[in-house]
Amino acid sequence: YEPAHARVWVPVGSTGSVDVLDVASGTFTRIDGFKTVERDVRGKKRTMGPSAATVGDGFVYIANRASNEVCPIDVSTLKPAKCLKLGTGTDGVAYVASAKELWVTTPKDQTLTVLDASKPSTLALKTTVKTDGAPEGYAVDEAHGVFFTNLEDKGGTAVIDVKTHKVKATWSPGCDADGPRGLVFDAAHDFVIVACTDHVQVLDAAHDGALLGKLDAGGGIDNLDYVGDKLYIAAGKASKLTVASVDAKGQLAVVATGDSSEGARNAVADASGNAYVADSAGGRLLVFAAPRTQP
């Protein structure tokens, strides 16, 4: 979600495009021209292409799994700038405003690739951070200069210093053998909230990742979003969206639930609390109205 223009950016790998939804009008603008490639995934042919987005300073950065590129898009013109090709496969992307850096999870090499985004339209390779496992998901504590990522294959949550690019600690979020997936940072309470595949777990960042509250939200959870004081959880196997609140003790409470579609995951919320969930199998973006406040 891009707050400045109230738009949701949807990378669509199979069409080699990024579809940009204007929230007010409900209309899409399509940005074409991204490279695609067909690969075997678990015995099935799948078209790979643009798959991740993050909002930076006047640009949105798109990661493309087909070409291992990260491409800046000018938010004013919706025109692409020159893409930067990485030496390994891209996954997630996160903009770190305090450092003017773009951090890319590159799990095949068990690294995070850090790009210099001080010139927003021209990315440059800065460094790599070696992780003890395949990084999955991302969250940033801007105030304390900390980057978080999960180690999907090892079950940990890595804590990385933004200035030194060094891993400071690894916490255990208590996920099962499938490993942790996405995560978000709750700046108001100094909590890291981790998505396991069928529940979310709150970690206390101020106390070495101590386990706090837990909430079952159905199978097939991947990435999360956290806006205001609400956590948005889309479970692809359970075909359900859950909106939860987090209190000062790290306990979670369900605010609302809604039926989605099988495989629909990775919820994104806008400034008003409306949620958007990509239904890749159906070629749709599911839109959920913000939960009603109780009188």
Protein backbone atom coordinates (compact mmCIF):
# COMPACT_ATOMS: atom_id res chain seq x y z
CA TYR A 1 0.00 0.00 0.00
CA GLU A 2 1.32 3.40 -1.04
CA PRO A 3 -0.06 6.03 1.38
CA ALA A 4 0.93 9.13 -0.60
CA HIS A 5 -1.44 8.32 -3.47
CA ALA A 6 -3.73 5.84 -1.66
CA ARG A 7 -2.89 2.99 -4.02
CA VAL A 8 -2.33 -0.76 -3.72
CA TRP A 9 0.46 -2.22 -5.85
CA VAL A 10 -0.15 -5.79 -7.04
CA PRO A 11 2.71 -7.63 -8.80
CA VAL A 12 1.20 -10.18 -11.22
CA GLY A 13 3.87 -12.66 -12.19
CA SER A 14 1.89 -14.59 -14.78
CA THR A 15 1.14 -11.48 -16.87
CA GLY A 16 4.50 -9.77 -16.43
CA SER A 17 2.80 -6.70 -15.03
CA VAL A 18 2.18 -4.68 -11.90
CA ASP A 19 -1.45 -3.63 -11.47
CA VAL A 20 -1.88 -0.46 -9.40
CA LEU A 21 -5.26 -0.03 -7.71
CA ASP A 22 -6.52 3.47 -6.99
CA VAL A 23 -8.45 2.92 -3.78
CA ALA A 24 -10.81 5.89 -4.20
CA SER A 25 -11.98 5.02 -7.72
CA GLY A 26 -11.55 1.25 -7.59
CA THR A 27 -9.73 1.29 -10.95
CA PHE A 28 -6.46 -0.32 -11.98
CA THR A 29 -3.54 1.06 -13.96
CA ARG A 30 -1.38 -1.65 -15.46
CA ILE A 31 2.39 -1.31 -15.77
CA ASP A 32 3.60 -3.82 -18.37
CA GLY A 33 6.95 -4.93 -19.67
CA PHE A 34 8.36 -7.07 -16.85
CA LYS A 35 10.19 -10.24 -17.86
CA THR A 36 8.59 -13.65 -17.31
CA VAL A 37 9.83 -17.24 -17.43
CA GLU A 38 8.13 -20.63 -17.16
CA ARG A 39 9.47 -22.98 -14.49
CA ASP A 40 8.53 -26.27 -12.90
CA VAL A 41 7.20 -25.79 -9.38
CA ARG A 42 6.30 -28.99 -7.52
CA GLY A 43 5.70 -30.81 -10.79
CA LYS A 44 3.55 -28.07 -12.38
CA LYS A 45 4.43 -25.42 -14.94
CA ARG A 46 4.25 -21.91 -13.52
CA THR A 47 4.94 -18.54 -15.07
CA MET A 48 7.25 -16.45 -12.89
CA GLY A 49 7.54 -12.68 -13.02
CA PRO A 50 7.18 -9.68 -10.72
CA SER A 51 6.27 -10.94 -7.25
CA ALA A 52 7.06 -8.37 -4.55
CA ALA A 53 6.84 -4.62 -3.96
CA THR A 54 7.91 -2.06 -1.36
CA VAL A 55 7.34 1.69 -1.14
CA GLY A 56 10.44 3.90 -1.02
CA ASP A 57 11.15 7.61 -1.39
CA GLY A 58 9.13 8.60 -4.45
CA PHE A 59 9.56 5.16 -5.98
CA VAL A 60 8.06 1.72 -5.56
CA TYR A 61 10.56 -1.10 -5.96
CA ILE A 62 9.48 -4.32 -7.69
CA ALA A 63 11.34 -7.62 -7.35
CA ASN A 64 11.13 -9.97 -10.33
CA ARG A 65 11.69 -13.70 -9.80
CA ALA A 66 12.00 -14.36 -13.54
CA SER A 67 15.00 -12.11 -14.09
CA ASN A 68 16.45 -11.67 -10.57
CA GLU A 69 15.96 -7.93 -11.04
CA VAL A 70 14.75 -5.12 -8.79
CA CYS A 71 13.03 -2.34 -10.72
CA PRO A 72 12.24 1.21 -9.49
CA ILE A 73 8.89 2.71 -10.56
CA ASP A 74 8.31 6.46 -10.27
CA VAL A 75 5.12 6.97 -8.22
CA SER A 76 4.37 10.28 -9.97
CA THR A 77 4.56 9.01 -13.55
CA LEU A 78 4.25 5.22 -13.07
CA LYS A 79 7.24 4.92 -15.40
CA PRO A 80 9.99 2.35 -14.73
CA ALA A 81 13.60 3.38 -14.21
CA LYS A 82 16.55 1.10 -14.91
CA CYS A 83 16.33 -2.30 -13.23
CA LEU A 84 19.25 -3.73 -11.26
CA LYS A 85 20.03 -7.40 -11.86
CA LEU A 86 21.15 -9.43 -8.85
CA GLY A 87 23.33 -12.52 -8.94
CA THR A 88 20.72 -14.71 -7.26
CA GLY A 89 16.97 -15.17 -7.01
CA THR A 90 14.91 -12.43 -5.37
CA ASP A 91 12.05 -12.95 -2.95
CA GLY A 92 10.88 -10.16 -0.61
CA VAL A 93 11.87 -6.48 -0.70
CA ALA A 94 11.83 -3.93 2.13
CA TYR A 95 12.78 -0.26 2.11
CA VAL A 96 14.78 0.94 5.13
CA ALA A 97 14.17 4.70 5.20
CA SER A 98 16.71 5.56 7.91
CA ALA A 99 19.56 4.12 5.83
CA LYS A 100 18.13 4.85 2.36
CA GLU A 101 18.64 1.18 1.59
CA LEU A 102 16.61 -1.53 -0.07
CA TRP A 103 16.93 -4.95 1.57
CA VAL A 104 16.14 -7.99 -0.60
CA THR A 105 15.68 -11.48 0.77
CA THR A 106 17.74 -13.84 -1.41
CA PRO A 107 17.06 -17.26 0.12
CA LYS A 108 18.87 -19.44 -2.41
CA ASP A 109 22.18 -18.03 -1.17
CA GLN A 110 20.99 -17.72 2.45
CA THR A 111 21.65 -14.00 2.28
CA LEU A 112 20.05 -10.60 2.43
CA THR A 113 21.17 -8.38 -0.44
CA VAL A 114 21.42 -4.73 0.56
CA LEU A 115 21.07 -2.09 -2.17
CA ASP A 116 21.97 1.59 -1.99
CA ALA A 117 18.81 3.62 -2.69
CA SER A 118 20.23 7.06 -1.82
CA LYS A 119 19.57 7.94 -5.47
CA PRO A 120 16.04 6.51 -5.53
CA SER A 121 15.86 5.91 -9.28
CA THR A 122 19.31 4.31 -9.51
CA LEU A 123 19.92 1.30 -7.31
CA ALA A 124 23.43 0.01 -6.61
CA LEU A 125 24.70 -3.09 -4.85
CA LYS A 126 25.99 -2.20 -1.37
CA THR A 127 26.62 -5.41 0.56
CA THR A 128 25.25 -8.81 1.48
CA VAL A 129 24.34 -10.14 4.90
CA LYS A 130 24.95 -13.84 5.44
CA THR A 131 22.19 -15.57 7.39
CA ASP A 132 22.16 -18.98 9.03
CA GLY A 133 19.28 -20.19 6.88
CA ALA A 134 16.93 -19.08 4.12
CA PRO A 135 15.52 -15.60 4.91
CA GLU A 136 11.76 -15.31 4.61
CA GLY A 137 9.76 -12.18 5.37
CA TYR A 138 10.93 -8.81 6.63
CA ALA A 139 10.18 -6.10 9.16
CA VAL A 140 12.01 -2.93 10.16
CA ASP A 141 12.35 -1.14 13.49
CA GLU A 142 13.36 2.26 12.11
CA ALA A 143 13.73 3.92 15.54
CA HIS A 144 16.31 1.41 16.76
CA GLY A 145 17.90 0.60 13.40
CA VAL A 146 17.00 -3.09 13.41
CA PHE A 147 15.96 -5.37 10.55
CA PHE A 148 14.14 -8.64 11.21
CA THR A 149 13.77 -11.68 8.97
CA ASN A 150 12.74 -15.27 9.57
CA LEU A 151 14.88 -18.31 8.74
CA GLU A 152 12.25 -20.51 7.14
CA ASP A 153 14.33 -23.68 7.01
CA LYS A 154 15.90 -23.30 10.47
CA GLY A 155 12.90 -22.00 12.41
CA GLY A 156 14.48 -18.82 13.80
CA THR A 157 13.95 -15.08 13.61
CA ALA A 158 17.15 -13.16 12.86
CA VAL A 159 17.82 -9.73 14.38
CA ILE A 160 20.17 -7.60 12.26
CA ASP A 161 21.80 -4.21 12.95
CA VAL A 162 21.03 -1.88 10.04
CA LYS A 163 24.22 0.20 10.43
CA THR A 164 26.71 -2.65 10.74
CA HIS A 165 24.78 -5.20 8.63
CA LYS A 166 25.58 -7.80 11.28
CA VAL A 167 23.28 -10.43 12.79
CA LYS A 168 22.94 -9.58 16.49
CA ALA A 169 20.73 -12.43 17.67
CA THR A 170 18.45 -15.23 16.57
CA TRP A 171 15.18 -15.83 18.42
CA SER A 172 12.90 -18.85 18.36
CA PRO A 173 9.29 -17.98 17.45
CA GLY A 174 8.05 -21.48 18.27
CA CYS A 175 6.75 -22.43 14.82
CA ASP A 176 6.38 -26.05 13.68
CA ALA A 177 8.59 -27.92 11.22
CA ASP A 178 7.25 -25.89 8.26
CA GLY A 179 9.04 -22.87 9.71
CA PRO A 180 8.13 -19.22 10.14
CA ARG A 181 7.00 -17.09 7.21
CA GLY A 182 6.21 -13.37 7.28
CA LEU A 183 6.53 -10.95 10.18
CA VAL A 184 5.67 -7.37 11.16
CA PHE A 185 6.96 -4.91 13.75
CA ASP A 186 4.67 -3.21 16.28
CA ALA A 187 6.54 0.03 17.06
CA ALA A 188 4.08 1.17 19.72
CA HIS A 189 4.80 -1.87 21.91
CA ASP A 190 8.22 -2.99 20.61
CA PHE A 191 6.81 -6.34 19.51
CA VAL A 192 7.73 -8.56 16.56
CA ILE A 193 4.75 -10.57 15.32
CA VAL A 194 5.68 -13.72 13.40
CA ALA A 195 3.51 -15.76 11.04
CA CYS A 196 3.81 -19.48 11.55
CA THR A 197 1.90 -21.51 8.97
CA ASP A 198 -1.27 -21.82 11.08
CA HIS A 199 -0.92 -19.22 13.83
CA VAL A 200 0.80 -15.97 14.72
CA GLN A 201 3.17 -15.51 17.64
CA VAL A 202 4.10 -12.26 19.40
CA LEU A 203 7.76 -11.81 20.42
CA ASP A 204 8.93 -9.16 22.88
CA ALA A 205 11.79 -7.32 21.15
CA ALA A 206 12.72 -5.52 24.34
CA HIS A 207 13.29 -8.84 26.13
CA ASP A 208 15.29 -10.95 23.67
CA GLY A 209 12.30 -12.21 21.73
CA ALA A 210 10.42 -13.65 24.71
CA LEU A 211 7.22 -15.40 23.63
CA LEU A 212 4.03 -13.53 24.47
CA GLY A 213 0.59 -14.01 22.91
CA LYS A 214 -0.39 -16.55 20.26
CA LEU A 215 -3.42 -16.70 17.96
CA ASP A 216 -4.58 -19.58 15.75
CA ALA A 217 -5.80 -18.18 12.43
CA GLY A 218 -6.07 -21.21 10.13
CA GLY A 219 -3.63 -22.97 7.82
CA GLY A 220 -1.73 -21.38 4.97
CA ILE A 221 -0.52 -18.13 6.55
CA ASP A 222 2.33 -16.38 4.74
CA ASN A 223 2.90 -12.63 5.06
CA LEU A 224 1.13 -10.25 7.47
CA ASP A 225 0.27 -6.58 7.65
CA TYR A 226 -0.04 -4.32 10.67
CA VAL A 227 -1.72 -0.91 10.41
CA GLY A 228 -2.65 1.30 13.34
CA ASP A 229 -3.36 -1.21 16.08
CA LYS A 230 -4.73 -3.98 13.85
CA LEU A 231 -3.04 -7.13 12.55
CA TYR A 232 -4.22 -8.58 9.22
CA ILE A 233 -3.80 -12.35 8.69
CA ALA A 234 -4.80 -14.13 5.47
CA ALA A 235 -4.84 -17.94 5.66
CA GLY A 236 -4.75 -19.53 2.20
CA LYS A 237 -5.61 -23.10 3.21
CA ALA A 238 -8.36 -22.02 5.60
CA SER A 239 -9.73 -19.49 3.07
CA LYS A 240 -10.07 -16.93 5.83
CA LEU A 241 -9.02 -13.40 6.70
CA THR A 242 -8.60 -12.57 10.39
CA VAL A 243 -8.22 -9.08 11.81
CA ALA A 244 -6.82 -9.02 15.34
CA SER A 245 -5.81 -6.45 17.93
CA VAL A 246 -2.65 -6.54 20.05
CA ASP A 247 -2.64 -5.20 23.60
CA ALA A 248 0.23 -3.83 25.69
CA LYS A 249 0.93 -7.29 27.13
CA GLY A 250 1.30 -8.84 23.69
CA GLN A 251 -2.01 -10.68 23.80
CA LEU A 252 -4.05 -11.05 20.61
CA ALA A 253 -7.82 -10.78 20.26
CA VAL A 254 -9.94 -11.38 17.16
CA VAL A 255 -11.68 -8.23 15.92
CA ALA A 256 -13.27 -9.64 12.75
CA THR A 257 -13.06 -12.54 10.32
CA GLY A 258 -14.12 -12.95 6.71
CA ASP A 259 -14.28 -15.74 4.15
CA SER A 260 -11.77 -15.52 1.31
CA SER A 261 -10.69 -18.08 -1.31
CA GLU A 262 -8.38 -21.08 -1.26
CA GLY A 263 -4.81 -19.93 -1.74
CA ALA A 264 -5.62 -16.28 -1.05
CA ARG A 265 -2.93 -14.92 1.25
CA ASN A 266 -0.64 -11.94 1.93
CA ALA A 267 -3.12 -9.36 3.16
CA VAL A 268 -2.34 -5.66 2.79
CA ALA A 269 -4.30 -2.96 4.60
CA ASP A 270 -4.81 0.69 3.65
CA ALA A 271 -4.88 3.72 5.94
CA SER A 272 -8.62 3.29 6.57
CA GLY A 273 -8.29 -0.35 7.63
CA ASN A 274 -9.66 -1.91 4.44
CA ALA A 275 -7.84 -5.12 3.53
CA TYR A 276 -6.72 -6.44 0.14
CA VAL A 277 -5.84 -10.10 -0.42
CA ALA A 278 -4.42 -11.50 -3.66
CA ASP A 279 -6.34 -14.51 -5.00
CA SER A 280 -3.78 -15.74 -7.52
CA ALA A 281 -5.78 -18.80 -8.60
CA GLY A 282 -8.83 -16.67 -9.37
CA GLY A 283 -6.95 -13.74 -10.85
CA ARG A 284 -8.65 -11.40 -8.38
CA LEU A 285 -7.90 -8.93 -5.63
CA LEU A 286 -10.30 -9.57 -2.75
CA VAL A 287 -11.33 -6.40 -0.91
CA PHE A 288 -12.58 -6.47 2.69
CA ALA A 289 -14.13 -3.41 4.30
CA ALA A 290 -12.57 -2.16 7.52
CA PRO A 291 -14.01 -3.78 10.65
CA ARG A 292 -16.81 -1.76 12.21
CA THR A 293 -15.97 -0.10 15.49
CA GLN A 294 -18.17 -1.04 18.40
CA PRO A 295 -20.36 1.73 19.90
